[in-house]
Amino acid sequence: MGTFDDVMENARNAAQAAGKKIGETADITKLKLQAVSIRGDMKRIYESLGKDMYKMIKNGKLAKDGYEAETEKLDELSNQLSMTLKLIDKAKGSIKCPVCGQSCSHDSIYCKKCGSKLK
C-alpha cells in the first residue's frame, strides 16, 4: 500500500500546484481586463476633449475653462492604469525597462525591445 499512497500524494500535490497556477492566471486575467476597461474610459475622455477643443479652435475661442473635471478624471484613470499594469508585471514576475517601458522577464539583463540594461 505504500506505493499507492505515494501515487496519491503525488497526484494531490500536482492538483494543488495546478490549482495555484490557475488562480494566478485568473488574477492576471482580471487585472488585464481592468486595464482594458480603464483604457476605454480614458479613450472616451480623450475623444470628448478632442472634439470640444476642435470646436473651440475652429470658432476662434481659447479653451481655458470647463475642462477641469475631465482632466482630473483622466489623471485619475492614468494613475489607475499605471497601478494596474504594475500589478500585472508583479504577478507575472516581470520588470519594466526604464528606457522604453517594455515588460521583460525578471531574470533579463537587457531589454528585449530596446536593448537597454535592466539591472
PDB file of N, CA and C in Angstrom:
ATOM      1  N   MET A   1       0.814  -1.203   0.000  1.00  0.00           N
ATOM      2  CA  MET A   1       0.000   0.000   0.000  1.00  0.00           C
ATOM      3  C   MET A   1       0.849   1.254   0.000  1.00  0.00           C
ATOM      4  N   GLY A   2       2.122   1.178   0.331  1.00  0.00           N
ATOM      5  CA  GLY A   2       2.989   2.337   0.364  1.00  0.00           C
ATOM      6  C   GLY A   2       3.106   2.995  -0.998  1.00  0.00           C
ATOM      7  N   THR A   3       3.185   2.210  -2.056  1.00  0.00           N
ATOM      8  CA  THR A   3       3.285   2.756  -3.406  1.00  0.00           C
ATOM      9  C   THR A   3       2.008   3.489  -3.786  1.00  0.00           C
ATOM     10  N   PHE A   4       0.874   2.926  -3.479  1.00  0.00           N
ATOM     11  CA  PHE A   4      -0.400   3.575  -3.781  1.00  0.00           C
ATOM     12  C   PHE A   4      -0.519   4.903  -3.045  1.00  0.00           C
ATOM     13  N   ASP A   5      -0.099   4.930  -1.776  1.00  0.00           N
ATOM     14  CA  ASP A   5      -0.132   6.178  -1.000  1.00  0.00           C
ATOM     15  C   ASP A   5       0.782   7.219  -1.622  1.00  0.00           C
ATOM     16  N   ASP A   6       1.950   6.791  -2.098  1.00  0.00           N
ATOM     17  CA  ASP A   6       2.881   7.720  -2.757  1.00  0.00           C
ATOM     18  C   ASP A   6       2.276   8.298  -4.029  1.00  0.00           C
ATOM     19  N   VAL A   7       1.634   7.452  -4.800  1.00  0.00           N
ATOM     20  CA  VAL A   7       0.985   7.905  -6.042  1.00  0.00           C
ATOM     21  C   VAL A   7      -0.115   8.906  -5.714  1.00  0.00           C
ATOM     22  N   MET A   8      -0.894   8.613  -4.715  1.00  0.00           N
ATOM     23  CA  MET A   8      -1.983   9.522  -4.325  1.00  0.00           C
ATOM     24  C   MET A   8      -1.421  10.855  -3.824  1.00  0.00           C
ATOM     25  N   GLU A   9      -0.357  10.818  -3.069  1.00  0.00           N
ATOM     26  CA  GLU A   9       0.257  12.047  -2.552  1.00  0.00           C
ATOM     27  C   GLU A   9       0.807  12.884  -3.706  1.00  0.00           C
ATOM     28  N   ASN A  10       1.463  12.242  -4.668  1.00  0.00           N
ATOM     29  CA  ASN A  10       1.976  12.955  -5.849  1.00  0.00           C
ATOM     30  C   ASN A  10       0.842  13.569  -6.657  1.00  0.00           C
ATOM     31  N   ALA A  11      -0.245  12.834  -6.804  1.00  0.00           N
ATOM     32  CA  ALA A  11      -1.405  13.348  -7.539  1.00  0.00           C
ATOM     33  C   ALA A  11      -2.014  14.542  -6.802  1.00  0.00           C
ATOM     34  N   ARG A  12      -2.100  14.450  -5.489  1.00  0.00           N
ATOM     35  CA  ARG A  12      -2.640  15.534  -4.677  1.00  0.00           C
ATOM     36  C   ARG A  12      -1.757  16.787  -4.809  1.00  0.00           C
ATOM     37  N   ASN A  13      -0.441  16.597  -4.749  1.00  0.00           N
ATOM     38  CA  ASN A  13       0.489  17.721  -4.888  1.00  0.00           C
ATOM     39  C   ASN A  13       0.386  18.371  -6.265  1.00  0.00           C
ATOM     40  N   ALA A  14       0.270  17.530  -7.297  1.00  0.00           N
ATOM     41  CA  ALA A  14       0.138  18.056  -8.662  1.00  0.00           C
ATOM     42  C   ALA A  14      -1.153  18.845  -8.818  1.00  0.00           C
ATOM     43  N   ALA A  15      -2.234  18.350  -8.235  1.00  0.00           N
ATOM     44  CA  ALA A  15      -3.522  19.058  -8.316  1.00  0.00           C
ATOM     45  C   ALA A  15      -3.455  20.391  -7.588  1.00  0.00           C
ATOM     46  N   GLN A  16      -2.782  20.432  -6.446  1.00  0.00           N
ATOM     47  CA  GLN A  16      -2.640  21.687  -5.708  1.00  0.00           C
ATOM     48  C   GLN A  16      -1.809  22.692  -6.498  1.00  0.00           C
ATOM     49  N   ALA A  17      -0.725  22.232  -7.113  1.00  0.00           N
ATOM     50  CA  ALA A  17       0.118  23.128  -7.913  1.00  0.00           C
ATOM     51  C   ALA A  17      -0.650  23.667  -9.111  1.00  0.00           C
ATOM     52  N   ALA A  18      -1.427  22.801  -9.760  1.00  0.00           N
ATOM     53  CA  ALA A  18      -2.230  23.234 -10.901  1.00  0.00           C
ATOM     54  C   ALA A  18      -3.284  24.246 -10.465  1.00  0.00           C
ATOM     55  N   GLY A  19      -3.913  24.005  -9.327  1.00  0.00           N
ATOM     56  CA  GLY A  19      -4.914  24.941  -8.814  1.00  0.00           C
ATOM     57  C   GLY A  19      -4.313  26.294  -8.507  1.00  0.00           C
ATOM     58  N   LYS A  20      -3.117  26.297  -7.942  1.00  0.00           N
ATOM     59  CA  LYS A  20      -2.443  27.559  -7.637  1.00  0.00           C
ATOM     60  C   LYS A  20      -2.139  28.323  -8.920  1.00  0.00           C
ATOM     61  N   LYS A  21      -1.646  27.625  -9.937  1.00  0.00           N
ATOM     62  CA  LYS A  21      -1.307  28.270 -11.219  1.00  0.00           C
ATOM     63  C   LYS A  21      -2.557  28.834 -11.885  1.00  0.00           C
ATOM     64  N   ILE A  22      -3.653  28.093 -11.823  1.00  0.00           N
ATOM     65  CA  ILE A  22      -4.914  28.569 -12.394  1.00  0.00           C
ATOM     66  C   ILE A  22      -5.368  29.834 -11.672  1.00  0.00           C
ATOM     67  N   GLY A  23      -5.232  29.861 -10.355  1.00  0.00           N
ATOM     68  CA  GLY A  23      -5.605  31.046  -9.581  1.00  0.00           C
ATOM     69  C   GLY A  23      -4.768  32.250  -9.967  1.00  0.00           C
ATOM     70  N   GLU A  24      -3.455  32.043 -10.138  1.00  0.00           N
ATOM     71  CA  GLU A  24      -2.573  33.140 -10.539  1.00  0.00           C
ATOM     72  C   GLU A  24      -2.940  33.649 -11.927  1.00  0.00           C
ATOM     73  N   THR A  25      -3.219  32.730 -12.845  1.00  0.00           N
ATOM     74  CA  THR A  25      -3.609  33.119 -14.200  1.00  0.00           C
ATOM     75  C   THR A  25      -4.926  33.886 -14.186  1.00  0.00           C
ATOM     76  N   ALA A  26      -5.860  33.467 -13.367  1.00  0.00           N
ATOM     77  CA  ALA A  26      -7.145  34.170 -13.266  1.00  0.00           C
ATOM     78  C   ALA A  26      -6.948  35.580 -12.724  1.00  0.00           C
ATOM     79  N   ASP A  27      -6.064  35.732 -11.729  1.00  0.00           N
ATOM     80  CA  ASP A  27      -5.785  37.061 -11.176  1.00  0.00           C
ATOM     81  C   ASP A  27      -5.182  37.977 -12.233  1.00  0.00           C
ATOM     82  N   ILE A  28      -4.248  37.457 -13.020  1.00  0.00           N
ATOM     83  CA  ILE A  28      -3.623  38.260 -14.078  1.00  0.00           C
ATOM     84  C   ILE A  28      -4.661  38.638 -15.126  1.00  0.00           C
ATOM     85  N   THR A  29      -5.529  37.704 -15.473  1.00  0.00           N
ATOM     86  CA  THR A  29      -6.574  37.978 -16.460  1.00  0.00           C
ATOM     87  C   THR A  29      -7.519  39.070 -15.962  1.00  0.00           C
ATOM     88  N   LYS A  30      -7.891  39.028 -14.688  1.00  0.00           N
ATOM     89  CA  LYS A  30      -8.755  40.071 -14.117  1.00  0.00           C
ATOM     90  C   LYS A  30      -8.075  41.438 -14.200  1.00  0.00           C
ATOM     91  N   LEU A  31      -6.779  41.485 -13.896  1.00  0.00           N
ATOM     92  CA  LEU A  31      -6.053  42.750 -13.972  1.00  0.00           C
ATOM     93  C   LEU A  31      -5.963  43.258 -15.408  1.00  0.00           C
ATOM     94  N   LYS A  32      -5.757  42.352 -16.345  1.00  0.00           N
ATOM     95  CA  LYS A  32      -5.700  42.753 -17.753  1.00  0.00           C
ATOM     96  C   LYS A  32      -7.050  43.318 -18.204  1.00  0.00           C
ATOM     97  N   LEU A  33      -8.137  42.692 -17.779  1.00  0.00           N
ATOM     98  CA  LEU A  33      -9.466  43.204 -18.124  1.00  0.00           C
ATOM     99  C   LEU A  33      -9.694  44.573 -17.506  1.00  0.00           C
ATOM    100  N   GLN A  34      -9.210  44.777 -16.281  1.00  0.00           N
ATOM    101  CA  GLN A  34      -9.322  46.078 -15.631  1.00  0.00           C
ATOM    102  C   GLN A  34      -8.544  47.121 -16.429  1.00  0.00           C
ATOM    103  N   ALA A  35      -7.351  46.763 -16.918  1.00  0.00           N
ATOM    104  CA  ALA A  35      -6.543  47.686 -17.710  1.00  0.00           C
ATOM    105  C   ALA A  35      -7.265  48.055 -19.004  1.00  0.00           C
ATOM    106  N   VAL A  36      -7.894  47.081 -19.658  1.00  0.00           N
ATOM    107  CA  VAL A  36      -8.647  47.345 -20.891  1.00  0.00           C
ATOM    108  C   VAL A  36      -9.805  48.305 -20.606  1.00  0.00           C
ATOM    109  N   SER A  37     -10.503  48.090 -19.498  1.00  0.00           N
ATOM    110  CA  SER A  37     -11.623  48.956 -19.138  1.00  0.00           C
ATOM    111  C   SER A  37     -11.151  50.388 -18.875  1.00  0.00           C
ATOM    112  N   ILE A  38     -10.048  50.524 -18.146  1.00  0.00           N
ATOM    113  CA  ILE A  38      -9.513  51.859 -17.854  1.00  0.00           C
ATOM    114  C   ILE A  38      -9.087  52.554 -19.143  1.00  0.00           C
ATOM    115  N   ARG A  39      -8.434  51.816 -20.034  1.00  0.00           N
ATOM    116  CA  ARG A  39      -8.034  52.405 -21.322  1.00  0.00           C
ATOM    117  C   ARG A  39      -9.252  52.892 -22.104  1.00  0.00           C
ATOM    118  N   GLY A  40     -10.344  52.120 -22.057  1.00  0.00           N
ATOM    119  CA  GLY A  40     -11.568  52.522 -22.742  1.00  0.00           C
ATOM    120  C   GLY A  40     -12.139  53.813 -22.169  1.00  0.00           C
ATOM    121  N   ASP A  41     -12.154  53.909 -20.831  1.00  0.00           N
ATOM    122  CA  ASP A  41     -12.620  55.138 -20.179  1.00  0.00           C
ATOM    123  C   ASP A  41     -11.744  56.327 -20.577  1.00  0.00           C
ATOM    124  N   MET A  42     -10.442  56.110 -20.587  1.00  0.00           N
ATOM    125  CA  MET A  42      -9.519  57.182 -20.967  1.00  0.00           C
ATOM    126  C   MET A  42      -9.748  57.607 -22.421  1.00  0.00           C
ATOM    127  N   LYS A  43      -9.974  56.644 -23.283  1.00  0.00           N
ATOM    128  CA  LYS A  43     -10.189  56.943 -24.702  1.00  0.00           C
ATOM    129  C   LYS A  43     -11.429  57.815 -24.887  1.00  0.00           C
ATOM    130  N   ARG A  44     -12.503  57.479 -24.174  1.00  0.00           N
ATOM    131  CA  ARG A  44     -13.733  58.271 -24.295  1.00  0.00           C
ATOM    132  C   ARG A  44     -13.503  59.715 -23.847  1.00  0.00           C
ATOM    133  N   ILE A  45     -12.753  59.903 -22.766  1.00  0.00           N
ATOM    134  CA  ILE A  45     -12.471  61.258 -22.291  1.00  0.00           C
ATOM    135  C   ILE A  45     -11.587  62.001 -23.281  1.00  0.00           C
ATOM    136  N   TYR A  46     -10.556  61.322 -23.792  1.00  0.00           N
ATOM    137  CA  TYR A  46      -9.699  61.947 -24.811  1.00  0.00           C
ATOM    138  C   TYR A  46     -10.524  62.390 -26.019  1.00  0.00           C
ATOM    139  N   GLU A  47     -11.445  61.535 -26.468  1.00  0.00           N
ATOM    140  CA  GLU A  47     -12.273  61.875 -27.622  1.00  0.00           C
ATOM    141  C   GLU A  47     -13.151  63.084 -27.329  1.00  0.00           C
ATOM    142  N   SER A  48     -13.743  63.112 -26.139  1.00  0.00           N
ATOM    143  CA  SER A  48     -14.594  64.237 -25.764  1.00  0.00           C
ATOM    144  C   SER A  48     -13.787  65.527 -25.715  1.00  0.00           C
ATOM    145  N   LEU A  49     -12.628  65.467 -25.084  1.00  0.00           N
ATOM    146  CA  LEU A  49     -11.766  66.653 -25.022  1.00  0.00           C
ATOM    147  C   LEU A  49     -11.349  67.098 -26.416  1.00  0.00           C
ATOM    148  N   GLY A  50     -10.976  66.141 -27.232  1.00  0.00           N
ATOM    149  CA  GLY A  50     -10.531  66.459 -28.590  1.00  0.00           C
ATOM    150  C   GLY A  50     -11.623  67.125 -29.417  1.00  0.00           C
ATOM    151  N   LYS A  51     -12.849  66.607 -29.337  1.00  0.00           N
ATOM    152  CA  LYS A  51     -13.965  67.186 -30.084  1.00  0.00           C
ATOM    153  C   LYS A  51     -14.250  68.609 -29.638  1.00  0.00           C
ATOM    154  N   ASP A  52     -14.282  68.799 -28.320  1.00  0.00           N
ATOM    155  CA  ASP A  52     -14.557  70.139 -27.792  1.00  0.00           C
ATOM    156  C   ASP A  52     -13.441  71.120 -28.155  1.00  0.00           C
ATOM    157  N   MET A  53     -12.212  70.668 -28.023  1.00  0.00           N
ATOM    158  CA  MET A  53     -11.078  71.541 -28.365  1.00  0.00           C
ATOM    159  C   MET A  53     -11.115  71.908 -29.848  1.00  0.00           C
ATOM    160  N   TYR A  54     -11.420  70.962 -30.679  1.00  0.00           N
ATOM    161  CA  TYR A  54     -11.506  71.225 -32.112  1.00  0.00           C
ATOM    162  C   TYR A  54     -12.552  72.298 -32.400  1.00  0.00           C
ATOM    163  N   LYS A  55     -13.731  72.157 -31.789  1.00  0.00           N
ATOM    164  CA  LYS A  55     -14.796  73.137 -31.993  1.00  0.00           C
ATOM    165  C   LYS A  55     -14.367  74.531 -31.527  1.00  0.00           C
ATOM    166  N   MET A  56     -13.710  74.603 -30.384  1.00  0.00           N
ATOM    167  CA  MET A  56     -13.264  75.892 -29.862  1.00  0.00           C
ATOM    168  C   MET A  56     -12.197  76.522 -30.758  1.00  0.00           C
ATOM    169  N   ILE A  57     -11.293  75.712 -31.230  1.00  0.00           N
ATOM    170  CA  ILE A  57     -10.247  76.229 -32.127  1.00  0.00           C
ATOM    171  C   ILE A  57     -10.878  76.732 -33.424  1.00  0.00           C
ATOM    172  N   LYS A  58     -11.808  75.956 -33.969  1.00  0.00           N
ATOM    173  CA  LYS A  58     -12.481  76.359 -35.211  1.00  0.00           C
ATOM    174  C   LYS A  58     -13.273  77.650 -35.028  1.00  0.00           C
ATOM    175  N   ASN A  59     -13.839  77.871 -33.837  1.00  0.00           N
ATOM    176  CA  ASN A  59     -14.626  79.076 -33.568  1.00  0.00           C
ATOM    177  C   ASN A  59     -13.772  80.241 -33.071  1.00  0.00           C
ATOM    178  N   GLY A  60     -12.442  80.032 -32.987  1.00  0.00           N
ATOM    179  CA  GLY A  60     -11.548  81.101 -32.557  1.00  0.00           C
ATOM    180  C   GLY A  60     -11.538  81.347 -31.062  1.00  0.00           C
ATOM    181  N   LYS A  61     -12.018  80.399 -30.281  1.00  0.00           N
ATOM    182  CA  LYS A  61     -12.040  80.551 -28.835  1.00  0.00           C
ATOM    183  C   LYS A  61     -10.877  79.772 -28.216  1.00  0.00           C
ATOM    184  N   LEU A  62     -10.379  80.273 -27.114  1.00  0.00           N
ATOM    185  CA  LEU A  62      -9.309  79.592 -26.398  1.00  0.00           C
ATOM    186  C   LEU A  62      -9.931  78.764 -25.279  1.00  0.00           C
ATOM    187  N   ALA A  63      -9.615  77.508 -25.226  1.00  0.00           N
ATOM    188  CA  ALA A  63     -10.200  76.606 -24.225  1.00  0.00           C
ATOM    189  C   ALA A  63      -9.469  76.734 -22.907  1.00  0.00           C
ATOM    190  N   LYS A  64     -10.017  77.570 -22.014  1.00  0.00           N
ATOM    191  CA  LYS A  64      -9.393  77.732 -20.701  1.00  0.00           C
ATOM    192  C   LYS A  64     -10.253  77.141 -19.588  1.00  0.00           C
ATOM    193  N   ASP A  65     -11.542  77.212 -19.731  1.00  0.00           N
ATOM    194  CA  ASP A  65     -12.440  76.778 -18.664  1.00  0.00           C
ATOM    195  C   ASP A  65     -13.260  75.568 -19.104  1.00  0.00           C
ATOM    196  N   GLY A  66     -13.780  74.862 -18.121  1.00  0.00           N
ATOM    197  CA  GLY A  66     -14.700  73.768 -18.415  1.00  0.00           C
ATOM    198  C   GLY A  66     -14.050  72.406 -18.558  1.00  0.00           C
ATOM    199  N   TYR A  67     -12.752  72.305 -18.431  1.00  0.00           N
ATOM    200  CA  TYR A  67     -12.087  71.019 -18.631  1.00  0.00           C
ATOM    201  C   TYR A  67     -11.439  70.480 -17.364  1.00  0.00           C
ATOM    202  N   GLU A  68     -11.659  71.149 -16.245  1.00  0.00           N
ATOM    203  CA  GLU A  68     -11.031  70.716 -15.005  1.00  0.00           C
ATOM    204  C   GLU A  68     -11.471  69.302 -14.621  1.00  0.00           C
ATOM    205  N   ALA A  69     -12.772  69.026 -14.678  1.00  0.00           N
ATOM    206  CA  ALA A  69     -13.286  67.715 -14.270  1.00  0.00           C
ATOM    207  C   ALA A  69     -12.744  66.605 -15.164  1.00  0.00           C
ATOM    208  N   GLU A  70     -12.732  66.854 -16.497  1.00  0.00           N
ATOM    209  CA  GLU A  70     -12.237  65.835 -17.416  1.00  0.00           C
ATOM    210  C   GLU A  70     -10.754  65.568 -17.227  1.00  0.00           C
ATOM    211  N   THR A  71      -9.976  66.636 -17.070  1.00  0.00           N
ATOM    212  CA  THR A  71      -8.538  66.421 -16.905  1.00  0.00           C
ATOM    213  C   THR A  71      -8.233  65.741 -15.575  1.00  0.00           C
ATOM    214  N   GLU A  72      -8.972  66.074 -14.516  1.00  0.00           N
ATOM    215  CA  GLU A  72      -8.776  65.390 -13.237  1.00  0.00           C
ATOM    216  C   GLU A  72      -9.135  63.914 -13.347  1.00  0.00           C
ATOM    217  N   LYS A  73     -10.253  63.613 -14.014  1.00  0.00           N
ATOM    218  CA  LYS A  73     -10.659  62.211 -14.193  1.00  0.00           C
ATOM    219  C   LYS A  73      -9.636  61.472 -15.041  1.00  0.00           C
ATOM    220  N   LEU A  74      -9.136  62.120 -16.073  1.00  0.00           N
ATOM    221  CA  LEU A  74      -8.127  61.499 -16.928  1.00  0.00           C
ATOM    222  C   LEU A  74      -6.849  61.228 -16.138  1.00  0.00           C
ATOM    223  N   ASP A  75      -6.429  62.161 -15.293  1.00  0.00           N
ATOM    224  CA  ASP A  75      -5.257  61.944 -14.443  1.00  0.00           C
ATOM    225  C   ASP A  75      -5.483  60.762 -13.501  1.00  0.00           C
ATOM    226  N   GLU A  76      -6.687  60.698 -12.925  1.00  0.00           N
ATOM    227  CA  GLU A  76      -7.029  59.597 -12.016  1.00  0.00           C
ATOM    228  C   GLU A  76      -6.989  58.258 -12.749  1.00  0.00           C
ATOM    229  N   LEU A  77      -7.584  58.201 -13.948  1.00  0.00           N
ATOM    230  CA  LEU A  77      -7.579  56.960 -14.729  1.00  0.00           C
ATOM    231  C   LEU A  77      -6.171  56.571 -15.147  1.00  0.00           C
ATOM    232  N   SER A  78      -5.368  57.558 -15.488  1.00  0.00           N
ATOM    233  CA  SER A  78      -3.984  57.280 -15.864  1.00  0.00           C
ATOM    234  C   SER A  78      -3.226  56.659 -14.692  1.00  0.00           C
ATOM    235  N   ASN A  79      -3.442  57.174 -13.496  1.00  0.00           N
ATOM    236  CA  ASN A  79      -2.812  56.604 -12.299  1.00  0.00           C
ATOM    237  C   ASN A  79      -3.318  55.186 -12.032  1.00  0.00           C
ATOM    238  N   GLN A  80      -4.628  54.960 -12.212  1.00  0.00           N
ATOM    239  CA  GLN A  80      -5.195  53.624 -12.016  1.00  0.00           C
ATOM    240  C   GLN A  80      -4.597  52.635 -13.006  1.00  0.00           C
ATOM    241  N   LEU A  81      -4.459  53.071 -14.259  1.00  0.00           N
ATOM    242  CA  LEU A  81      -3.889  52.201 -15.282  1.00  0.00           C
ATOM    243  C   LEU A  81      -2.441  51.856 -14.946  1.00  0.00           C
ATOM    244  N   SER A  82      -1.681  52.838 -14.531  1.00  0.00           N
ATOM    245  CA  SER A  82      -0.287  52.605 -14.159  1.00  0.00           C
ATOM    246  C   SER A  82      -0.186  51.588 -13.021  1.00  0.00           C
ATOM    247  N   MET A  83      -1.036  51.742 -12.005  1.00  0.00           N
ATOM    248  CA  MET A  83      -1.027  50.806 -10.871  1.00  0.00           C
ATOM    249  C   MET A  83      -1.438  49.399 -11.327  1.00  0.00           C
ATOM    250  N   THR A  84      -2.449  49.312 -12.188  1.00  0.00           N
ATOM    251  CA  THR A  84      -2.920  48.017 -12.674  1.00  0.00           C
ATOM    252  C   THR A  84      -1.832  47.319 -13.476  1.00  0.00           C
ATOM    253  N   LEU A  85      -1.151  48.063 -14.348  1.00  0.00           N
ATOM    254  CA  LEU A  85      -0.079  47.474 -15.150  1.00  0.00           C
ATOM    255  C   LEU A  85       1.084  47.021 -14.267  1.00  0.00           C
ATOM    256  N   LYS A  86       1.367  47.754 -13.201  1.00  0.00           N
ATOM    257  CA  LYS A  86       2.416  47.334 -12.261  1.00  0.00           C
ATOM    258  C   LYS A  86       2.014  46.046 -11.554  1.00  0.00           C
ATOM    259  N   LEU A  87       0.731  45.923 -11.190  1.00  0.00           N
ATOM    260  CA  LEU A  87       0.258  44.699 -10.551  1.00  0.00           C
ATOM    261  C   LEU A  87       0.368  43.508 -11.494  1.00  0.00           C
ATOM    262  N   ILE A  88       0.077  43.733 -12.774  1.00  0.00           N
ATOM    263  CA  ILE A  88       0.213  42.661 -13.771  1.00  0.00           C
ATOM    264  C   ILE A  88       1.665  42.234 -13.857  1.00  0.00           C
ATOM    265  N   ASP A  89       2.583  43.201 -13.963  1.00  0.00           N
ATOM    266  CA  ASP A  89       4.013  42.869 -14.038  1.00  0.00           C
ATOM    267  C   ASP A  89       4.467  42.118 -12.792  1.00  0.00           C
ATOM    268  N   LYS A  90       4.013  42.563 -11.625  1.00  0.00           N
ATOM    269  CA  LYS A  90       4.388  41.909 -10.376  1.00  0.00           C
ATOM    270  C   LYS A  90       3.863  40.478 -10.352  1.00  0.00           C
ATOM    271  N   ALA A  91       2.603  40.283 -10.759  1.00  0.00           N
ATOM    272  CA  ALA A  91       2.004  38.951 -10.766  1.00  0.00           C
ATOM    273  C   ALA A  91       2.707  38.025 -11.754  1.00  0.00           C
ATOM    274  N   LYS A  92       3.170  38.585 -12.855  1.00  0.00           N
ATOM    275  CA  LYS A  92       3.864  37.791 -13.865  1.00  0.00           C
ATOM    276  C   LYS A  92       5.347  37.634 -13.543  1.00  0.00           C
ATOM    277  N   GLY A  93       5.824  38.366 -12.541  1.00  0.00           N
ATOM    278  CA  GLY A  93       7.240  38.300 -12.196  1.00  0.00           C
ATOM    279  C   GLY A  93       8.105  39.020 -13.209  1.00  0.00           C
ATOM    280  N   SER A  94       7.584  40.072 -13.811  1.00  0.00           N
ATOM    281  CA  SER A  94       8.347  40.799 -14.821  1.00  0.00           C
ATOM    282  C   SER A  94       8.694  42.197 -14.329  1.00  0.00           C
ATOM    283  N   ILE A  95       9.596  42.857 -15.058  1.00  0.00           N
ATOM    284  CA  ILE A  95      10.023  44.211 -14.733  1.00  0.00           C
ATOM    285  C   ILE A  95       9.895  45.076 -15.976  1.00  0.00           C
ATOM    286  N   LYS A  96       9.782  46.382 -15.765  1.00  0.00           N
ATOM    287  CA  LYS A  96       9.672  47.335 -16.871  1.00  0.00           C
ATOM    288  C   LYS A  96      11.039  47.898 -17.215  1.00  0.00           C
ATOM    289  N   CYS A  97      11.292  48.057 -18.499  1.00  0.00           N
ATOM    290  CA  CYS A  97      12.508  48.727 -18.948  1.00  0.00           C
ATOM    291  C   CYS A  97      12.382  50.209 -18.593  1.00  0.00           C
ATOM    292  N   PRO A  98      13.394  50.787 -17.947  1.00  0.00           N
ATOM    293  CA  PRO A  98      13.315  52.202 -17.574  1.00  0.00           C
ATOM    294  C   PRO A  98      13.397  53.142 -18.774  1.00  0.00           C
ATOM    295  N   VAL A  99      13.845  52.634 -19.924  1.00  0.00           N
ATOM    296  CA  VAL A  99      14.002  53.479 -21.106  1.00  0.00           C
ATOM    297  C   VAL A  99      12.740  53.474 -21.972  1.00  0.00           C
ATOM    298  N   CYS A 100      12.263  52.275 -22.355  1.00  0.00           N
ATOM    299  CA  CYS A 100      11.138  52.197 -23.291  1.00  0.00           C
ATOM    300  C   CYS A 100       9.834  51.703 -22.668  1.00  0.00           C
ATOM    301  N   GLY A 101       9.887  51.189 -21.434  1.00  0.00           N
ATOM    302  CA  GLY A 101       8.674  50.721 -20.766  1.00  0.00           C
ATOM    303  C   GLY A 101       8.269  49.301 -21.093  1.00  0.00           C
ATOM    304  N   GLN A 102       9.060  48.600 -21.905  1.00  0.00           N
ATOM    305  CA  GLN A 102       8.751  47.222 -22.282  1.00  0.00           C
ATOM    306  C   GLN A 102       8.755  46.320 -21.047  1.00  0.00           C
ATOM    307  N   SER A 103       7.801  45.403 -20.971  1.00  0.00           N
ATOM    308  CA  SER A 103       7.758  44.425 -19.891  1.00  0.00           C
ATOM    309  C   SER A 103       8.730  43.296 -20.225  1.00  0.00           C
ATOM    310  N   CYS A 104       9.652  43.012 -19.290  1.00  0.00           N
ATOM    311  CA  CYS A 104      10.682  41.999 -19.512  1.00  0.00           C
ATOM    312  C   CYS A 104      10.672  40.993 -18.360  1.00  0.00           C
ATOM    313  N   SER A 105      11.176  39.815 -18.633  1.00  0.00           N
ATOM    314  CA  SER A 105      11.277  38.779 -17.613  1.00  0.00           C
ATOM    315  C   SER A 105      12.150  39.268 -16.462  1.00  0.00           C
ATOM    316  N   HIS A 106      11.802  38.863 -15.245  1.00  0.00           N
ATOM    317  CA  HIS A 106      12.531  39.330 -14.063  1.00  0.00           C
ATOM    318  C   HIS A 106      14.006  38.941 -14.070  1.00  0.00           C
ATOM    319  N   ASP A 107      14.367  37.909 -14.829  1.00  0.00           N
ATOM    320  CA  ASP A 107      15.765  37.499 -14.868  1.00  0.00           C
ATOM    321  C   ASP A 107      16.512  38.033 -16.090  1.00  0.00           C
ATOM    322  N   SER A 108      15.871  38.903 -16.861  1.00  0.00           N
ATOM    323  CA  SER A 108      16.520  39.501 -18.031  1.00  0.00           C
ATOM    324  C   SER A 108      17.569  40.519 -17.592  1.00  0.00           C
ATOM    325  N   ILE A 109      18.630  40.589 -18.350  1.00  0.00           N
ATOM    326  CA  ILE A 109      19.672  41.580 -18.085  1.00  0.00           C
ATOM    327  C   ILE A 109      19.485  42.783 -18.996  1.00  0.00           C
ATOM    328  N   TYR A 110      19.035  42.526 -20.236  1.00  0.00           N
ATOM    329  CA  TYR A 110      18.822  43.586 -21.217  1.00  0.00           C
ATOM    330  C   TYR A 110      17.377  43.561 -21.700  1.00  0.00           C
ATOM    331  N   CYS A 111      16.871  44.729 -22.074  1.00  0.00           N
ATOM    332  CA  CYS A 111      15.511  44.849 -22.608  1.00  0.00           C
ATOM    333  C   CYS A 111      15.430  44.167 -23.956  1.00  0.00           C
ATOM    334  N   LYS A 112      14.369  43.384 -24.152  1.00  0.00           N
ATOM    335  CA  LYS A 112      14.197  42.671 -25.413  1.00  0.00           C
ATOM    336  C   LYS A 112      13.742  43.595 -26.540  1.00  0.00           C
ATOM    337  N   LYS A 113      13.280  44.800 -26.197  1.00  0.00           N
ATOM    338  CA  LYS A 113      12.810  45.732 -27.216  1.00  0.00           C
ATOM    339  C   LYS A 113      13.892  46.732 -27.635  1.00  0.00           C
ATOM    340  N   CYS A 114      14.507  47.407 -26.635  1.00  0.00           N
ATOM    341  CA  CYS A 114      15.468  48.462 -26.980  1.00  0.00           C
ATOM    342  C   CYS A 114      16.921  48.119 -26.664  1.00  0.00           C
ATOM    343  N   GLY A 115      17.129  47.021 -25.930  1.00  0.00           N
ATOM    344  CA  GLY A 115      18.490  46.590 -25.621  1.00  0.00           C
ATOM    345  C   GLY A 115      19.137  47.274 -24.434  1.00  0.00           C
ATOM    346  N   SER A 116      18.402  48.147 -23.752  1.00  0.00           N
ATOM    347  CA  SER A 116      18.962  48.844 -22.584  1.00  0.00           C
ATOM    348  C   SER A 116      19.181  47.864 -21.435  1.00  0.00           C
ATOM    349  N   LYS A 117      20.193  48.142 -20.628  1.00  0.00           N
ATOM    350  CA  LYS A 117      20.485  47.318 -19.466  1.00  0.00           C
ATOM    351  C   LYS A 117      19.396  47.530 -18.407  1.00  0.00           C
ATOM    352  N   LEU A 118      18.889  46.433 -17.853  1.00  0.00           N
ATOM    353  CA  LEU A 118      17.784  46.492 -16.907  1.00  0.00           C
ATOM    354  C   LEU A 118      18.247  46.577 -15.463  1.00  0.00           C
ATOM    355  N   LYS A 119      19.365  45.993 -15.152  1.00  0.00           N
ATOM    356  CA  LYS A 119      19.791  45.939 -13.747  1.00  0.00           C
ATOM    357  C   LYS A 119      21.098  46.664 -13.545  1.00  0.00           C
TER     358      LYS A 119
END
